[in-house]
Amino acid sequence: MPMTNRERVLTTLNHQEPDRVPIIMGVSNATGIKMKTYRGIKKLAGISAPDEYIYQWPELGTAKIDEATMQCLHSDVRGVRDLEPASTLERNRERDPHSPCIDSWGSGQKEVEPGNWYPGIHPIPEATTVEDLEAYPGWPDMSDLTRVAHVQENAQRLADEGQYAIMATPWLLFPLERAFAMQGMDVFLLNLAIRPDFSKALLEKIAQKCKELMAPFLAALGDNVDIIKIGDDLGTQESLLMSPKMYREILKPIHADFIKFIKERTHAKVFFHTDGDVFPLIEDFIEIGVDILNPIQTSAGSMSNLPELKKQFGKNIVFCGGIDTQRILPAGTPAEVQEEVRRVIDILGPGGGYMVSSVHTVMNDVPPENVLAMVDAVEEFGSMHVTTPPLGHRPSLSLGK
């Protein structure tokens, strides 16, 4: 008897084999689809639905996926998200459409070409002392409940339906990425190296603000949540953004405290998003309570060694992602996409503990045919009790017990 979508996900999160590998698409910005590709998917599927943006933030460029398309994508998860305060959303709707888009922290995006936005507004680039942080007047008011006023109703509706796993996805509640937004990446990384005390104070200040929002967010969710998404981008294509020593001394305690704060308030699993080659830190993530690691950037250094990832960490952490967005999805044929999906499932799927998703957001350069080829391949090859045909000259692993 087939599992429900939620049963499939919960089985996987418990490191057991479901009836097929779960799919998580369109739930958050990290698992999302940009608007051009989303429109193409709707056209191919014959779906008529409005073009809406996730978090009501058009400049982010990521689509809010309608329910018919979510079903077309076979996604086993649905999302519940916070919002920027109503006053911030209204201010940005009323501004000149091509002027900078400023969030509730005072950071924001500039339009670099028509319809293309890039983070370029950093409100405290000159700050170097704790006194500078205290003097900044633009710290957000996290007590504004318009951020989470919709959360309880949305989560309860999904829980009452009982079909899908529920992932709560607060947007950019991540200390390192927010520090980049406040100062600029280059500036803050330099401060990490030469002003560690100041850098730690800024990270802790941001983390405290994150907690001030996370507490009412979790309270509104109640028991109606299975996964909480957080994260910080820590890797590059070939290495880490900082040394493991620096991570362990400065940022790891902040991540550990934040995860502890979450787990004291919910039984949901913690989904941690971090791009790049973060292989050297996976043991640290497991130690501080990360349950699900995303996006498994297979184009980045040691993260390409999926057999070693599975061997070393597969019993202690769930992998989510793994379908390449640098070459396979944008430039491959649908057949190549399907072969890659089958390859990744064959390695990460046995024994449970793997959820299929693209490596980060599906960008506008990805043909919609390839997205559909990806999810259709999971339906075809992701069964836990079917031996897939050989892939090239390599015999496919049986995922059955």
Protein backbone atom coordinates (compact mmCIF):
# COMPACT_ATOMS: atom_id res chain seq x y z
CA MET A 1 0.00 0.00 0.00
CA PRO A 2 1.53 3.38 -0.99
CA MET A 3 2.57 5.72 1.80
CA THR A 4 1.13 9.20 2.12
CA ASN A 5 3.57 11.96 1.24
CA ARG A 6 4.08 12.77 4.92
CA GLU A 7 4.62 9.14 5.88
CA ARG A 8 7.23 8.89 3.13
CA VAL A 9 9.13 11.88 4.49
CA LEU A 10 8.91 10.85 8.15
CA THR A 11 10.12 7.35 7.31
CA THR A 12 13.10 8.85 5.50
CA LEU A 13 13.87 11.21 8.38
CA ASN A 14 13.96 8.17 10.68
CA HIS A 15 16.61 6.60 8.41
CA GLN A 16 14.27 3.92 7.19
CA GLU A 17 13.34 3.08 3.61
CA PRO A 18 10.06 4.54 2.35
CA ASP A 19 8.14 3.30 -0.68
CA ARG A 20 10.07 5.83 -2.79
CA VAL A 21 12.64 8.52 -2.17
CA PRO A 22 10.82 11.74 -1.17
CA ILE A 23 10.92 14.88 -3.30
CA ILE A 24 11.16 18.36 -1.82
CA MET A 25 10.64 21.14 -4.35
CA GLY A 26 9.14 24.61 -4.25
CA VAL A 27 8.97 24.84 -0.48
CA SER A 28 11.52 27.55 0.30
CA ASN A 29 13.99 29.73 -1.55
CA ALA A 30 16.62 27.02 -1.06
CA THR A 31 14.40 24.42 -2.76
CA GLY A 32 12.59 26.86 -5.02
CA ILE A 33 12.20 27.66 -8.71
CA LYS A 34 12.78 31.02 -10.37
CA MET A 35 9.86 32.62 -12.17
CA LYS A 36 10.86 32.00 -15.81
CA THR A 37 11.29 28.26 -15.30
CA TYR A 38 8.13 28.10 -13.19
CA ARG A 39 6.15 29.67 -16.01
CA GLY A 40 7.58 27.11 -18.40
CA ILE A 41 6.58 24.22 -16.15
CA LYS A 42 3.03 25.55 -15.92
CA LYS A 43 2.86 25.88 -19.69
CA LEU A 44 4.09 22.33 -20.29
CA ALA A 45 1.69 20.95 -17.70
CA GLY A 46 -1.28 22.99 -18.93
CA ILE A 47 -1.70 24.64 -15.53
CA SER A 48 -3.36 28.03 -15.26
CA ALA A 49 -2.24 29.78 -12.07
CA PRO A 50 -1.12 33.34 -11.25
CA ASP A 51 2.54 34.34 -11.09
CA GLU A 52 3.19 34.99 -7.41
CA TYR A 53 6.46 35.36 -5.52
CA ILE A 54 7.59 33.54 -2.42
CA TYR A 55 7.59 35.71 0.72
CA GLN A 56 5.70 38.34 -1.32
CA TRP A 57 9.16 39.55 -2.39
CA PRO A 58 9.37 39.89 -6.20
CA GLU A 59 13.00 41.07 -6.12
CA LEU A 60 14.03 37.67 -4.79
CA GLY A 61 12.77 36.29 -8.10
CA THR A 62 11.63 32.94 -6.69
CA ALA A 63 8.13 31.76 -7.50
CA LYS A 64 5.47 30.86 -4.99
CA ILE A 65 4.48 27.51 -6.49
CA ASP A 66 0.76 26.91 -6.85
CA GLU A 67 -0.76 23.67 -5.56
CA ALA A 68 -1.42 22.12 -8.98
CA THR A 69 2.21 22.61 -9.95
CA MET A 70 3.40 21.27 -6.58
CA GLN A 71 1.46 18.11 -7.36
CA CYS A 72 2.92 18.02 -10.86
CA LEU A 73 6.37 18.18 -9.23
CA HIS A 74 5.40 15.26 -6.92
CA SER A 75 6.65 17.30 -3.97
CA ASP A 76 6.08 15.49 -0.69
CA VAL A 77 6.49 18.62 1.43
CA ARG A 78 4.56 21.86 1.82
CA GLY A 79 5.90 25.05 3.34
CA VAL A 80 4.81 27.52 5.97
CA ARG A 81 6.75 30.77 5.82
CA ASP A 82 7.07 34.01 7.72
CA LEU A 83 6.89 37.43 6.06
CA GLU A 84 8.58 40.75 6.39
CA PRO A 85 6.43 43.16 8.47
CA ALA A 86 3.37 44.53 6.71
CA SER A 87 4.86 48.03 6.84
CA THR A 88 8.02 46.86 5.02
CA LEU A 89 6.03 45.04 2.34
CA GLU A 90 3.84 48.08 1.80
CA ARG A 91 6.81 50.46 1.64
CA ASN A 92 8.44 48.37 -1.05
CA ARG A 93 5.25 48.04 -3.05
CA GLU A 94 4.89 51.85 -3.07
CA ARG A 95 8.49 52.76 -3.90
CA ASP A 96 9.78 53.53 -7.40
CA PRO A 97 9.88 50.06 -9.03
CA HIS A 98 13.55 50.43 -10.01
CA SER A 99 14.84 51.95 -6.78
CA PRO A 100 16.65 49.82 -4.16
CA CYS A 101 14.51 47.30 -2.31
CA ILE A 102 15.18 47.61 1.44
CA ASP A 103 14.22 44.98 4.01
CA SER A 104 13.36 45.42 7.68
CA TRP A 105 17.03 45.25 8.70
CA GLY A 106 18.03 48.15 6.46
CA SER A 107 19.89 45.97 3.98
CA GLY A 108 18.68 45.45 0.47
CA GLN A 109 19.02 44.82 -3.23
CA LYS A 110 19.82 46.95 -6.24
CA GLU A 111 18.51 46.36 -9.76
CA VAL A 112 21.63 45.49 -11.79
CA GLU A 113 19.65 45.00 -15.01
CA PRO A 114 15.92 45.09 -15.73
CA GLY A 115 14.24 42.56 -13.44
CA ASN A 116 17.56 41.33 -11.99
CA TRP A 117 18.36 42.23 -8.40
CA TYR A 118 21.56 41.76 -6.41
CA PRO A 119 22.38 42.40 -2.72
CA GLY A 120 24.08 45.77 -2.72
CA ILE A 121 22.73 47.81 0.22
CA HIS A 122 24.76 47.26 3.40
CA PRO A 123 23.74 49.62 6.23
CA ILE A 124 26.72 49.29 8.60
CA PRO A 125 29.85 48.62 6.51
CA GLU A 126 31.95 50.97 8.64
CA ALA A 127 30.99 49.40 11.99
CA THR A 128 33.96 47.96 13.88
CA THR A 129 32.97 48.18 17.56
CA VAL A 130 30.18 47.05 19.85
CA GLU A 131 29.36 50.73 20.34
CA ASP A 132 28.80 51.05 16.59
CA LEU A 133 26.30 48.20 16.75
CA GLU A 134 24.45 49.78 19.66
CA ALA A 135 24.26 53.09 17.80
CA TYR A 136 22.67 51.61 14.67
CA PRO A 137 19.02 52.74 14.66
CA GLY A 138 17.80 50.24 12.08
CA TRP A 139 17.64 46.99 14.04
CA PRO A 140 14.33 45.27 13.16
CA ASP A 141 11.36 45.09 15.48
CA MET A 142 10.78 41.36 15.83
CA SER A 143 7.73 41.91 18.02
CA ASP A 144 5.73 42.99 14.95
CA LEU A 145 3.32 40.05 14.74
CA THR A 146 2.35 40.81 11.14
CA ARG A 147 5.43 38.71 10.39
CA VAL A 148 3.71 35.56 11.66
CA ALA A 149 -0.01 36.40 11.79
CA HIS A 150 -0.80 33.88 9.03
CA VAL A 151 1.39 31.03 10.28
CA GLN A 152 -1.00 29.28 12.67
CA GLU A 153 -3.84 29.13 10.13
CA ASN A 154 -1.61 27.90 7.30
CA ALA A 155 0.04 25.21 9.42
CA GLN A 156 -3.29 24.05 10.86
CA ARG A 157 -4.81 23.75 7.39
CA LEU A 158 -1.96 21.56 6.18
CA ALA A 159 -2.10 19.47 9.34
CA ASP A 160 -5.84 18.97 8.98
CA GLU A 161 -5.33 17.79 5.40
CA GLY A 162 -2.79 15.31 6.73
CA GLN A 163 -1.26 14.56 3.33
CA TYR A 164 2.09 16.35 3.23
CA ALA A 165 5.05 16.85 5.51
CA ILE A 166 5.20 20.45 6.75
CA MET A 167 8.43 22.43 6.55
CA ALA A 168 8.59 25.81 8.23
CA THR A 169 10.93 28.08 6.31
CA PRO A 170 11.71 31.43 7.95
CA TRP A 171 13.52 33.58 5.41
CA LEU A 172 17.19 34.48 5.96
CA LEU A 173 17.23 33.98 9.71
CA PHE A 174 20.91 33.11 9.51
CA PRO A 175 23.64 34.98 11.44
CA LEU A 176 26.51 34.76 8.93
CA GLU A 177 24.45 35.59 5.85
CA ARG A 178 22.76 38.45 7.70
CA ALA A 179 26.18 39.78 8.74
CA PHE A 180 27.15 39.75 5.04
CA ALA A 181 23.96 41.69 4.29
CA MET A 182 24.69 44.23 7.01
CA GLN A 183 28.34 44.86 6.13
CA GLY A 184 29.08 43.25 2.77
CA MET A 185 30.71 39.85 2.45
CA ASP A 186 34.27 41.09 1.92
CA VAL A 187 34.06 43.55 4.79
CA PHE A 188 32.65 41.07 7.27
CA LEU A 189 35.09 38.29 6.32
CA LEU A 190 37.94 40.76 6.88
CA ASN A 191 36.45 41.68 10.25
CA LEU A 192 36.26 37.99 11.16
CA ALA A 193 40.00 37.79 10.59
CA ILE A 194 41.15 41.02 12.25
CA ARG A 195 38.32 41.91 14.64
CA PRO A 196 37.02 38.58 15.97
CA ASP A 197 35.48 40.09 19.10
CA PHE A 198 33.46 42.60 17.09
CA SER A 199 32.47 39.95 14.56
CA LYS A 200 31.27 37.62 17.28
CA ALA A 201 29.27 40.48 18.84
CA LEU A 202 27.56 41.19 15.51
CA LEU A 203 26.76 37.51 14.94
CA GLU A 204 25.37 37.21 18.47
CA LYS A 205 23.29 40.38 18.03
CA ILE A 206 21.80 38.97 14.83
CA ALA A 207 21.20 35.57 16.41
CA GLN A 208 19.34 37.20 19.29
CA LYS A 209 17.09 39.01 16.81
CA CYS A 210 16.52 35.69 15.04
CA LYS A 211 15.43 34.10 18.32
CA GLU A 212 13.04 36.97 18.96
CA LEU A 213 11.24 36.06 15.75
CA MET A 214 11.72 32.28 15.92
CA ALA A 215 9.95 32.05 19.30
CA PRO A 216 6.54 33.37 18.12
CA PHE A 217 7.01 31.60 14.79
CA LEU A 218 7.40 28.24 16.54
CA ALA A 219 4.58 29.06 18.96
CA ALA A 220 2.24 29.72 16.04
CA LEU A 221 3.23 26.43 14.41
CA GLY A 222 2.65 24.42 17.57
CA ASP A 223 2.79 20.71 16.81
CA ASN A 224 1.91 21.28 13.16
CA VAL A 225 5.43 21.12 11.76
CA ASP A 226 7.83 18.34 10.80
CA ILE A 227 10.91 20.27 9.63
CA ILE A 228 12.41 23.67 10.52
CA LYS A 229 14.78 25.17 7.94
CA ILE A 230 17.75 27.29 8.97
CA GLY A 231 21.26 27.63 7.55
CA ASP A 232 24.31 29.68 6.67
CA ASP A 233 26.36 29.42 3.48
CA LEU A 234 29.79 28.27 4.68
CA GLY A 235 31.43 26.78 1.60
CA THR A 236 32.86 27.74 -1.76
CA GLN A 237 33.37 25.63 -4.86
CA GLU A 238 36.58 24.11 -3.49
CA SER A 239 36.84 24.94 0.21
CA LEU A 240 35.30 26.68 3.20
CA LEU A 241 34.68 30.41 3.59
CA MET A 242 36.61 30.24 6.86
CA SER A 243 38.92 27.73 8.48
CA PRO A 244 37.37 24.92 10.52
CA LYS A 245 39.15 26.41 13.54
CA MET A 246 37.50 29.80 13.02
CA TYR A 247 34.11 28.18 12.47
CA ARG A 248 34.43 26.14 15.67
CA GLU A 249 35.58 29.08 17.75
CA ILE A 250 33.21 31.79 16.55
CA LEU A 251 30.20 30.55 14.58
CA LYS A 252 29.64 26.98 15.73
CA PRO A 253 28.63 28.00 19.30
CA ILE A 254 26.09 30.44 17.83
CA HIS A 255 24.65 27.77 15.53
CA ALA A 256 24.59 25.28 18.41
CA ASP A 257 22.74 27.71 20.65
CA PHE A 258 20.23 28.55 17.92
CA ILE A 259 19.52 24.87 17.23
CA LYS A 260 19.17 24.19 20.96
CA PHE A 261 16.70 27.09 21.17
CA ILE A 262 14.64 25.54 18.36
CA LYS A 263 14.70 22.00 19.72
CA GLU A 264 13.58 23.17 23.15
CA ARG A 265 10.39 24.43 21.48
CA THR A 266 9.55 21.81 18.86
CA HIS A 267 9.98 18.15 17.99
CA ALA A 268 10.56 19.07 14.34
CA LYS A 269 13.77 18.05 12.61
CA VAL A 270 16.32 20.78 11.86
CA PHE A 271 17.10 21.29 8.16
CA PHE A 272 20.41 23.13 7.68
CA HIS A 273 21.15 24.75 4.31
CA THR A 274 24.76 25.50 3.46
CA ASP A 275 26.28 25.71 -0.02
CA GLY A 276 29.68 24.63 -1.23
CA ASP A 277 32.26 22.13 -0.01
CA VAL A 278 31.40 21.79 3.67
CA PHE A 279 32.64 18.18 4.02
CA PRO A 280 35.10 19.10 6.83
CA LEU A 281 32.25 20.47 8.99
CA ILE A 282 29.65 17.71 8.66
CA GLU A 283 30.69 16.07 11.93
CA ASP A 284 30.28 19.46 13.60
CA PHE A 285 26.78 19.82 12.14
CA ILE A 286 25.81 16.40 13.47
CA GLU A 287 27.26 17.27 16.89
CA ILE A 288 25.18 20.45 17.23
CA GLY A 289 21.92 18.77 16.25
CA VAL A 290 21.50 19.21 12.49
CA ASP A 291 19.16 16.47 11.26
CA ILE A 292 19.02 17.27 7.51
CA LEU A 293 21.87 18.67 5.41
CA ASN A 294 21.10 20.58 2.22
CA PRO A 295 21.89 21.09 -0.68
CA ILE A 296 24.73 18.51 -1.12
CA GLN A 297 26.45 20.55 -3.83
CA THR A 298 27.85 17.74 -5.94
CA SER A 299 29.92 20.16 -8.04
CA ALA A 300 31.87 21.39 -5.01
CA GLY A 301 35.04 19.62 -3.92
CA SER A 302 34.59 16.65 -1.62
CA MET A 303 30.80 16.97 -1.72
CA SER A 304 31.01 15.24 -5.10
CA ASN A 305 32.13 12.04 -3.36
CA LEU A 306 28.64 10.75 -2.63
CA PRO A 307 29.73 7.21 -1.68
CA GLU A 308 32.04 8.63 1.00
CA LEU A 309 29.32 10.99 2.26
CA LYS A 310 26.93 8.07 2.61
CA LYS A 311 29.55 5.85 4.23
CA GLN A 312 30.80 8.37 6.77
CA PHE A 313 27.65 10.28 7.68
CA GLY A 314 24.59 8.51 6.26
CA LYS A 315 23.58 6.91 9.55
CA ASN A 316 23.60 10.21 11.43
CA ILE A 317 22.27 12.84 9.03
CA VAL A 318 19.70 12.99 6.24
CA PHE A 319 20.89 14.27 2.87
CA CYS A 320 18.63 16.59 0.85
CA GLY A 321 19.49 17.87 -2.62
CA GLY A 322 22.24 16.45 -4.79
CA ILE A 323 20.83 17.15 -8.28
CA ASP A 324 23.34 19.49 -9.91
CA THR A 325 22.21 22.98 -10.91
CA GLN A 326 25.51 24.09 -12.45
CA ARG A 327 25.69 21.68 -15.39
CA ILE A 328 23.15 18.84 -15.34
CA LEU A 329 19.89 20.74 -14.90
CA PRO A 330 20.67 23.82 -17.03
CA ALA A 331 22.70 22.17 -19.82
CA GLY A 332 21.90 18.46 -19.77
CA THR A 333 19.30 16.69 -21.85
CA PRO A 334 16.22 15.26 -20.10
CA ALA A 335 17.81 11.81 -20.51
CA GLU A 336 21.02 13.01 -18.83
CA VAL A 337 19.00 14.52 -16.01
CA GLN A 338 17.22 11.22 -15.47
CA GLU A 339 20.51 9.29 -15.45
CA GLU A 340 21.94 11.69 -12.85
CA VAL A 341 18.86 11.36 -10.65
CA ARG A 342 19.12 7.59 -10.84
CA ARG A 343 22.85 7.70 -10.03
CA VAL A 344 22.36 9.88 -6.96
CA ILE A 345 19.43 7.80 -5.69
CA ASP A 346 21.44 4.59 -6.14
CA ILE A 347 24.15 5.99 -3.87
CA LEU A 348 22.26 7.99 -1.25
CA GLY A 349 18.90 6.18 -1.24
CA PRO A 350 19.63 2.73 0.26
CA GLY A 351 18.63 2.49 3.91
CA GLY A 352 16.66 5.75 3.80
CA GLY A 353 18.00 9.15 4.75
CA TYR A 354 17.82 10.87 1.35
CA MET A 355 15.37 13.41 -0.08
CA VAL A 356 15.67 14.47 -3.72
CA SER A 357 15.96 18.15 -4.54
CA SER A 358 17.95 20.41 -6.79
CA VAL A 359 21.17 21.93 -5.51
CA HIS A 360 19.67 25.21 -4.32
CA THR A 361 17.18 27.21 -6.35
CA VAL A 362 16.32 26.13 -9.89
CA MET A 363 17.47 29.18 -11.82
CA ASN A 364 15.96 30.77 -14.93
CA ASP A 365 18.49 29.03 -17.19
CA VAL A 366 17.04 25.58 -16.39
CA PRO A 367 14.68 24.28 -19.10
CA PRO A 368 11.31 23.35 -17.60
CA GLU A 369 11.56 19.99 -19.39
CA ASN A 370 14.56 19.14 -17.23
CA VAL A 371 12.73 19.89 -13.98
CA LEU A 372 9.93 17.56 -15.03
CA ALA A 373 12.49 14.95 -16.13
CA MET A 374 14.05 15.16 -12.65
CA VAL A 375 10.86 14.54 -10.72
CA ASP A 376 9.59 11.93 -13.17
CA ALA A 377 12.88 10.05 -12.75
CA VAL A 378 12.27 9.89 -9.01
CA GLU A 379 8.87 8.35 -9.65
CA GLU A 380 10.45 5.84 -12.03
CA PHE A 381 13.69 4.97 -10.25
CA GLY A 382 13.10 6.02 -6.65
CA SER A 383 11.12 3.03 -5.48
CA MET A 384 12.64 1.40 -2.45
CA HIS A 385 11.65 -2.07 -3.66
CA VAL A 386 12.59 -2.00 -7.34
CA THR A 387 15.96 -2.79 -8.84
CA THR A 388 16.59 -0.19 -11.54
CA PRO A 389 18.05 -1.18 -14.91
CA PRO A 390 21.83 -0.85 -15.42
CA LEU A 391 23.16 2.67 -15.81
CA GLY A 392 25.75 2.53 -18.59
CA HIS A 393 28.16 -0.27 -17.71
CA ARG A 394 27.69 0.14 -13.95
CA PRO A 395 25.16 -2.22 -12.35
CA SER A 396 22.48 -0.33 -10.45
CA LEU A 397 22.09 -0.97 -6.75
CA SER A 398 18.93 -2.57 -5.47
CA LEU A 399 17.22 -0.37 -2.93
CA GLY A 400 15.10 -3.19 -1.65
CA LYS A 401 15.99 -4.87 1.61
